[in-house]
PDB file of N, CA and C in Angstrom:
ATOM      1  N   MET A   1     -21.117  13.319  33.405  1.00  0.00           N
ATOM      2  CA  MET A   1     -20.261  12.353  32.774  1.00  0.00           C
ATOM      3  C   MET A   1     -19.568  12.914  31.545  1.00  0.00           C
ATOM      4  N   GLN A   2     -20.223  13.726  30.764  1.00  0.00           N
ATOM      5  CA  GLN A   2     -19.613  14.306  29.568  1.00  0.00           C
ATOM      6  C   GLN A   2     -18.797  15.536  29.919  1.00  0.00           C
ATOM      7  N   ASP A   3     -17.567  15.352  30.364  1.00  0.00           N
ATOM      8  CA  ASP A   3     -16.686  16.482  30.693  1.00  0.00           C
ATOM      9  C   ASP A   3     -15.544  16.567  29.721  1.00  0.00           C
ATOM     10  N   ASN A   4     -15.723  15.963  28.520  1.00  0.00           N
ATOM     11  CA  ASN A   4     -14.724  15.949  27.438  1.00  0.00           C
ATOM     12  C   ASN A   4     -13.452  15.204  27.780  1.00  0.00           C
ATOM     13  N   ALA A   5     -13.489  14.431  28.848  1.00  0.00           N
ATOM     14  CA  ALA A   5     -12.359  13.532  29.167  1.00  0.00           C
ATOM     15  C   ALA A   5     -12.322  12.435  28.108  1.00  0.00           C
ATOM     16  N   PRO A   6     -11.127  12.078  27.634  1.00  0.00           N
ATOM     17  CA  PRO A   6     -11.042  11.067  26.555  1.00  0.00           C
ATOM     18  C   PRO A   6     -11.755   9.737  26.864  1.00  0.00           C
ATOM     19  N   CYS A   7     -11.763   9.376  28.141  1.00  0.00           N
ATOM     20  CA  CYS A   7     -12.413   8.101  28.460  1.00  0.00           C
ATOM     21  C   CYS A   7     -13.939   8.179  28.283  1.00  0.00           C
ATOM     22  N   HIS A   8     -14.492   9.415  28.208  1.00  0.00           N
ATOM     23  CA  HIS A   8     -15.937   9.552  27.988  1.00  0.00           C
ATOM     24  C   HIS A   8     -16.292   9.740  26.523  1.00  0.00           C
ATOM     25  N   THR A   9     -15.309   9.992  25.689  1.00  0.00           N
ATOM     26  CA  THR A   9     -15.602  10.264  24.295  1.00  0.00           C
ATOM     27  C   THR A   9     -15.298   9.089  23.366  1.00  0.00           C
ATOM     28  N   GLU A  10     -14.601   8.083  23.857  1.00  0.00           N
ATOM     29  CA  GLU A  10     -14.208   6.968  22.979  1.00  0.00           C
ATOM     30  C   GLU A  10     -15.182   5.825  22.995  1.00  0.00           C
ATOM     31  N   TRP A  11     -16.065   5.731  23.967  1.00  0.00           N
ATOM     32  CA  TRP A  11     -16.945   4.583  24.079  1.00  0.00           C
ATOM     33  C   TRP A  11     -18.171   4.737  23.178  1.00  0.00           C
ATOM     34  N   PRO A  12     -18.505   3.713  22.461  1.00  0.00           N
ATOM     35  CA  PRO A  12     -19.743   3.752  21.640  1.00  0.00           C
ATOM     36  C   PRO A  12     -20.973   3.666  22.522  1.00  0.00           C
ATOM     37  N   THR A  13     -22.074   4.098  21.992  1.00  0.00           N
ATOM     38  CA  THR A  13     -23.339   4.024  22.724  1.00  0.00           C
ATOM     39  C   THR A  13     -23.691   2.585  22.983  1.00  0.00           C
ATOM     40  N   GLN A  14     -24.187   2.277  24.157  1.00  0.00           N
ATOM     41  CA  GLN A  14     -24.568   0.923  24.518  1.00  0.00           C
ATOM     42  C   GLN A  14     -26.087   0.697  24.306  1.00  0.00           C
ATOM     43  N   SER A  15     -26.724   1.580  23.646  1.00  0.00           N
ATOM     44  CA  SER A  15     -28.162   1.492  23.405  1.00  0.00           C
ATOM     45  C   SER A  15     -28.527   0.259  22.603  1.00  0.00           C
ATOM     46  N   LEU A  16     -29.652  -0.395  22.935  1.00  0.00           N
ATOM     47  CA  LEU A  16     -30.109  -1.534  22.219  1.00  0.00           C
ATOM     48  C   LEU A  16     -30.593  -1.215  20.833  1.00  0.00           C
ATOM     49  N   ASP A  17     -30.938   0.063  20.590  1.00  0.00           N
ATOM     50  CA  ASP A  17     -31.442   0.471  19.280  1.00  0.00           C
ATOM     51  C   ASP A  17     -30.307   0.981  18.355  1.00  0.00           C
ATOM     52  N   MET A  18     -29.050   0.769  18.781  1.00  0.00           N
ATOM     53  CA  MET A  18     -27.918   1.199  18.005  1.00  0.00           C
ATOM     54  C   MET A  18     -27.859   0.356  16.743  1.00  0.00           C
ATOM     55  N   SER A  19     -27.785   0.996  15.595  1.00  0.00           N
ATOM     56  CA  SER A  19     -27.808   0.280  14.335  1.00  0.00           C
ATOM     57  C   SER A  19     -26.425  -0.312  14.045  1.00  0.00           C
ATOM     58  N   PRO A  20     -26.361  -1.351  13.243  1.00  0.00           N
ATOM     59  CA  PRO A  20     -25.077  -1.971  12.895  1.00  0.00           C
ATOM     60  C   PRO A  20     -24.096  -1.005  12.213  1.00  0.00           C
ATOM     61  N   ILE A  21     -24.630  -0.049  11.433  1.00  0.00           N
ATOM     62  CA  ILE A  21     -23.739   0.904  10.784  1.00  0.00           C
ATOM     63  C   ILE A  21     -23.014   1.775  11.766  1.00  0.00           C
ATOM     64  N   GLU A  22     -23.655   2.073  12.907  1.00  0.00           N
ATOM     65  CA  GLU A  22     -23.000   2.862  13.943  1.00  0.00           C
ATOM     66  C   GLU A  22     -21.825   2.066  14.500  1.00  0.00           C
ATOM     67  N   ASN A  23     -21.995   0.769  14.692  1.00  0.00           N
ATOM     68  CA  ASN A  23     -20.888  -0.078  15.146  1.00  0.00           C
ATOM     69  C   ASN A  23     -19.758  -0.049  14.116  1.00  0.00           C
ATOM     70  N   LEU A  24     -20.084  -0.106  12.873  1.00  0.00           N
ATOM     71  CA  LEU A  24     -19.083  -0.117  11.806  1.00  0.00           C
ATOM     72  C   LEU A  24     -18.321   1.196  11.816  1.00  0.00           C
ATOM     73  N   TRP A  25     -19.022   2.308  11.924  1.00  0.00           N
ATOM     74  CA  TRP A  25     -18.336   3.601  11.937  1.00  0.00           C
ATOM     75  C   TRP A  25     -17.433   3.730  13.153  1.00  0.00           C
ATOM     76  N   TRP A  26     -17.863   3.163  14.296  1.00  0.00           N
ATOM     77  CA  TRP A  26     -17.014   3.224  15.474  1.00  0.00           C
ATOM     78  C   TRP A  26     -15.711   2.474  15.255  1.00  0.00           C
ATOM     79  N   ILE A  27     -15.801   1.311  14.627  1.00  0.00           N
ATOM     80  CA  ILE A  27     -14.623   0.531  14.315  1.00  0.00           C
ATOM     81  C   ILE A  27     -13.680   1.310  13.395  1.00  0.00           C
ATOM     82  N   ILE A  28     -14.241   1.917  12.368  1.00  0.00           N
ATOM     83  CA  ILE A  28     -13.433   2.696  11.411  1.00  0.00           C
ATOM     84  C   ILE A  28     -12.824   3.886  12.110  1.00  0.00           C
ATOM     85  N   LYS A  29     -13.608   4.587  12.914  1.00  0.00           N
ATOM     86  CA  LYS A  29     -13.093   5.758  13.625  1.00  0.00           C
ATOM     87  C   LYS A  29     -11.933   5.414  14.507  1.00  0.00           C
ATOM     88  N   ARG A  30     -12.057   4.311  15.266  1.00  0.00           N
ATOM     89  CA  ARG A  30     -10.972   3.880  16.155  1.00  0.00           C
ATOM     90  C   ARG A  30      -9.701   3.606  15.381  1.00  0.00           C
ATOM     91  N   SER A  31      -9.841   2.923  14.228  1.00  0.00           N
ATOM     92  CA  SER A  31      -8.687   2.577  13.405  1.00  0.00           C
ATOM     93  C   SER A  31      -8.034   3.829  12.790  1.00  0.00           C
ATOM     94  N   VAL A  32      -8.850   4.752  12.304  1.00  0.00           N
ATOM     95  CA  VAL A  32      -8.326   5.962  11.668  1.00  0.00           C
ATOM     96  C   VAL A  32      -7.602   6.815  12.717  1.00  0.00           C
ATOM     97  N   LEU A  33      -8.164   6.925  13.904  1.00  0.00           N
ATOM     98  CA  LEU A  33      -7.537   7.760  14.924  1.00  0.00           C
ATOM     99  C   LEU A  33      -6.173   7.212  15.329  1.00  0.00           C
ATOM    100  N   LYS A  34      -5.981   5.915  15.265  1.00  0.00           N
ATOM    101  CA  LYS A  34      -4.688   5.304  15.565  1.00  0.00           C
ATOM    102  C   LYS A  34      -3.611   5.773  14.563  1.00  0.00           C
ATOM    103  N   ARG A  35      -4.044   6.121  13.352  1.00  0.00           N
ATOM    104  CA  ARG A  35      -3.123   6.558  12.341  1.00  0.00           C
ATOM    105  C   ARG A  35      -2.639   7.991  12.556  1.00  0.00           C
ATOM    106  N   LYS A  36      -3.389   8.744  13.345  1.00  0.00           N
ATOM    107  CA  LYS A  36      -3.079  10.141  13.684  1.00  0.00           C
ATOM    108  C   LYS A  36      -2.909  10.964  12.408  1.00  0.00           C
ATOM    109  N   PRO A  37      -3.951  11.092  11.611  1.00  0.00           N
ATOM    110  CA  PRO A  37      -3.850  11.872  10.364  1.00  0.00           C
ATOM    111  C   PRO A  37      -3.501  13.329  10.665  1.00  0.00           C
ATOM    112  N   LYS A  38      -2.632  13.893   9.830  1.00  0.00           N
ATOM    113  CA  LYS A  38      -2.136  15.269  10.063  1.00  0.00           C
ATOM    114  C   LYS A  38      -2.907  16.308   9.277  1.00  0.00           C
ATOM    115  N   ASN A  39      -3.713  15.864   8.304  1.00  0.00           N
ATOM    116  CA  ASN A  39      -4.461  16.803   7.475  1.00  0.00           C
ATOM    117  C   ASN A  39      -5.671  16.100   6.898  1.00  0.00           C
ATOM    118  N   LEU A  40      -6.495  16.870   6.194  1.00  0.00           N
ATOM    119  CA  LEU A  40      -7.743  16.356   5.661  1.00  0.00           C
ATOM    120  C   LEU A  40      -7.501  15.222   4.665  1.00  0.00           C
ATOM    121  N   GLU A  41      -6.476  15.351   3.862  1.00  0.00           N
ATOM    122  CA  GLU A  41      -6.203  14.305   2.857  1.00  0.00           C
ATOM    123  C   GLU A  41      -5.804  12.992   3.520  1.00  0.00           C
ATOM    124  N   GLU A  42      -4.998  13.041   4.571  1.00  0.00           N
ATOM    125  CA  GLU A  42      -4.636  11.825   5.284  1.00  0.00           C
ATOM    126  C   GLU A  42      -5.851  11.228   5.978  1.00  0.00           C
ATOM    127  N   LEU A  43      -6.727  12.082   6.454  1.00  0.00           N
ATOM    128  CA  LEU A  43      -7.953  11.629   7.101  1.00  0.00           C
ATOM    129  C   LEU A  43      -8.851  10.880   6.088  1.00  0.00           C
ATOM    130  N   LYS A  44      -9.053  11.499   4.938  1.00  0.00           N
ATOM    131  CA  LYS A  44      -9.893  10.891   3.893  1.00  0.00           C
ATOM    132  C   LYS A  44      -9.276   9.549   3.444  1.00  0.00           C
ATOM    133  N   ALA A  45      -7.968   9.542   3.225  1.00  0.00           N
ATOM    134  CA  ALA A  45      -7.296   8.332   2.783  1.00  0.00           C
ATOM    135  C   ALA A  45      -7.423   7.223   3.837  1.00  0.00           C
ATOM    136  N   GLY A  46      -7.266   7.608   5.101  1.00  0.00           N
ATOM    137  CA  GLY A  46      -7.356   6.642   6.193  1.00  0.00           C
ATOM    138  C   GLY A  46      -8.727   6.032   6.285  1.00  0.00           C
ATOM    139  N   ILE A  47      -9.762   6.879   6.169  1.00  0.00           N
ATOM    140  CA  ILE A  47     -11.134   6.380   6.196  1.00  0.00           C
ATOM    141  C   ILE A  47     -11.384   5.434   5.030  1.00  0.00           C
ATOM    142  N   GLN A  48     -10.942   5.791   3.865  1.00  0.00           N
ATOM    143  CA  GLN A  48     -11.138   4.913   2.679  1.00  0.00           C
ATOM    144  C   GLN A  48     -10.449   3.574   2.858  1.00  0.00           C
ATOM    145  N   GLU A  49      -9.196   3.645   3.330  1.00  0.00           N
ATOM    146  CA  GLU A  49      -8.411   2.398   3.493  1.00  0.00           C
ATOM    147  C   GLU A  49      -9.058   1.504   4.548  1.00  0.00           C
ATOM    148  N   GLU A  50      -9.528   2.063   5.636  1.00  0.00           N
ATOM    149  CA  GLU A  50     -10.130   1.270   6.698  1.00  0.00           C
ATOM    150  C   GLU A  50     -11.491   0.707   6.205  1.00  0.00           C
ATOM    151  N   TRP A  51     -12.232   1.518   5.452  1.00  0.00           N
ATOM    152  CA  TRP A  51     -13.503   1.049   4.870  1.00  0.00           C
ATOM    153  C   TRP A  51     -13.262  -0.137   3.963  1.00  0.00           C
ATOM    154  N   ASP A  52     -12.217  -0.057   3.141  1.00  0.00           N
ATOM    155  CA  ASP A  52     -11.904  -1.129   2.211  1.00  0.00           C
ATOM    156  C   ASP A  52     -11.477  -2.419   2.889  1.00  0.00           C
ATOM    157  N   LYS A  53     -11.048  -2.337   4.148  1.00  0.00           N
ATOM    158  CA  LYS A  53     -10.627  -3.541   4.870  1.00  0.00           C
ATOM    159  C   LYS A  53     -11.811  -4.316   5.463  1.00  0.00           C
ATOM    160  N   ILE A  54     -12.994  -3.670   5.534  1.00  0.00           N
ATOM    161  CA  ILE A  54     -14.155  -4.348   6.146  1.00  0.00           C
ATOM    162  C   ILE A  54     -14.623  -5.473   5.257  1.00  0.00           C
ATOM    163  N   THR A  55     -14.786  -6.669   5.864  1.00  0.00           N
ATOM    164  CA  THR A  55     -15.185  -7.836   5.125  1.00  0.00           C
ATOM    165  C   THR A  55     -16.667  -8.102   5.330  1.00  0.00           C
ATOM    166  N   PRO A  56     -17.280  -8.866   4.430  1.00  0.00           N
ATOM    167  CA  PRO A  56     -18.698  -9.231   4.604  1.00  0.00           C
ATOM    168  C   PRO A  56     -18.909  -9.966   5.945  1.00  0.00           C
ATOM    169  N   GLN A  57     -17.965 -10.764   6.365  1.00  0.00           N
ATOM    170  CA  GLN A  57     -18.105 -11.503   7.619  1.00  0.00           C
ATOM    171  C   GLN A  57     -18.151 -10.531   8.797  1.00  0.00           C
ATOM    172  N   GLN A  58     -17.357  -9.455   8.765  1.00  0.00           N
ATOM    173  CA  GLN A  58     -17.432  -8.455   9.823  1.00  0.00           C
ATOM    174  C   GLN A  58     -18.800  -7.801   9.879  1.00  0.00           C
ATOM    175  N   CYS A  59     -19.316  -7.500   8.706  1.00  0.00           N
ATOM    176  CA  CYS A  59     -20.637  -6.857   8.661  1.00  0.00           C
ATOM    177  C   CYS A  59     -21.742  -7.786   9.232  1.00  0.00           C
ATOM    178  N   GLU A  60     -21.600  -9.066   8.994  1.00  0.00           N
ATOM    179  CA  GLU A  60     -22.593 -10.003   9.522  1.00  0.00           C
ATOM    180  C   GLU A  60     -22.553 -10.080  11.035  1.00  0.00           C
ATOM    181  N   ARG A  61     -21.401  -9.789  11.634  1.00  0.00           N
ATOM    182  CA  ARG A  61     -21.259  -9.846  13.100  1.00  0.00           C
ATOM    183  C   ARG A  61     -21.558  -8.514  13.795  1.00  0.00           C
ATOM    184  N   LEU A  62     -21.809  -7.501  13.081  1.00  0.00           N
ATOM    185  CA  LEU A  62     -21.942  -6.174  13.666  1.00  0.00           C
ATOM    186  C   LEU A  62     -23.078  -6.044  14.684  1.00  0.00           C
ATOM    187  N   ASP A  63     -24.183  -6.735  14.485  1.00  0.00           N
ATOM    188  CA  ASP A  63     -25.285  -6.612  15.417  1.00  0.00           C
ATOM    189  C   ASP A  63     -24.872  -6.957  16.845  1.00  0.00           C
ATOM    190  N   GLY A  64     -24.008  -7.918  17.016  1.00  0.00           N
ATOM    191  CA  GLY A  64     -23.609  -8.322  18.352  1.00  0.00           C
ATOM    192  C   GLY A  64     -22.219  -7.870  18.713  1.00  0.00           C
ATOM    193  N   TYR A  65     -21.672  -6.885  18.013  1.00  0.00           N
ATOM    194  CA  TYR A  65     -20.288  -6.481  18.222  1.00  0.00           C
ATOM    195  C   TYR A  65     -20.020  -5.998  19.639  1.00  0.00           C
ATOM    196  N   PHE A  66     -20.946  -5.304  20.234  1.00  0.00           N
ATOM    197  CA  PHE A  66     -20.696  -4.786  21.592  1.00  0.00           C
ATOM    198  C   PHE A  66     -21.538  -5.519  22.570  1.00  0.00           C
TER     199      PHE A  66
END
């Protein structure tokens, strides 16, 4: 299954023991990748901006996100 095809690398783990923070990082990663950062500074800025957008309500829902 892991042949580096994009469809195999974008899906988060479906494990029941996946912690809520892993769900949060997946959400941030997906949003940052949509920005297509061209360098490290754009990547850092994108991560920070997406992190700042996370609301307490989103964090409360993370356990059942997937």
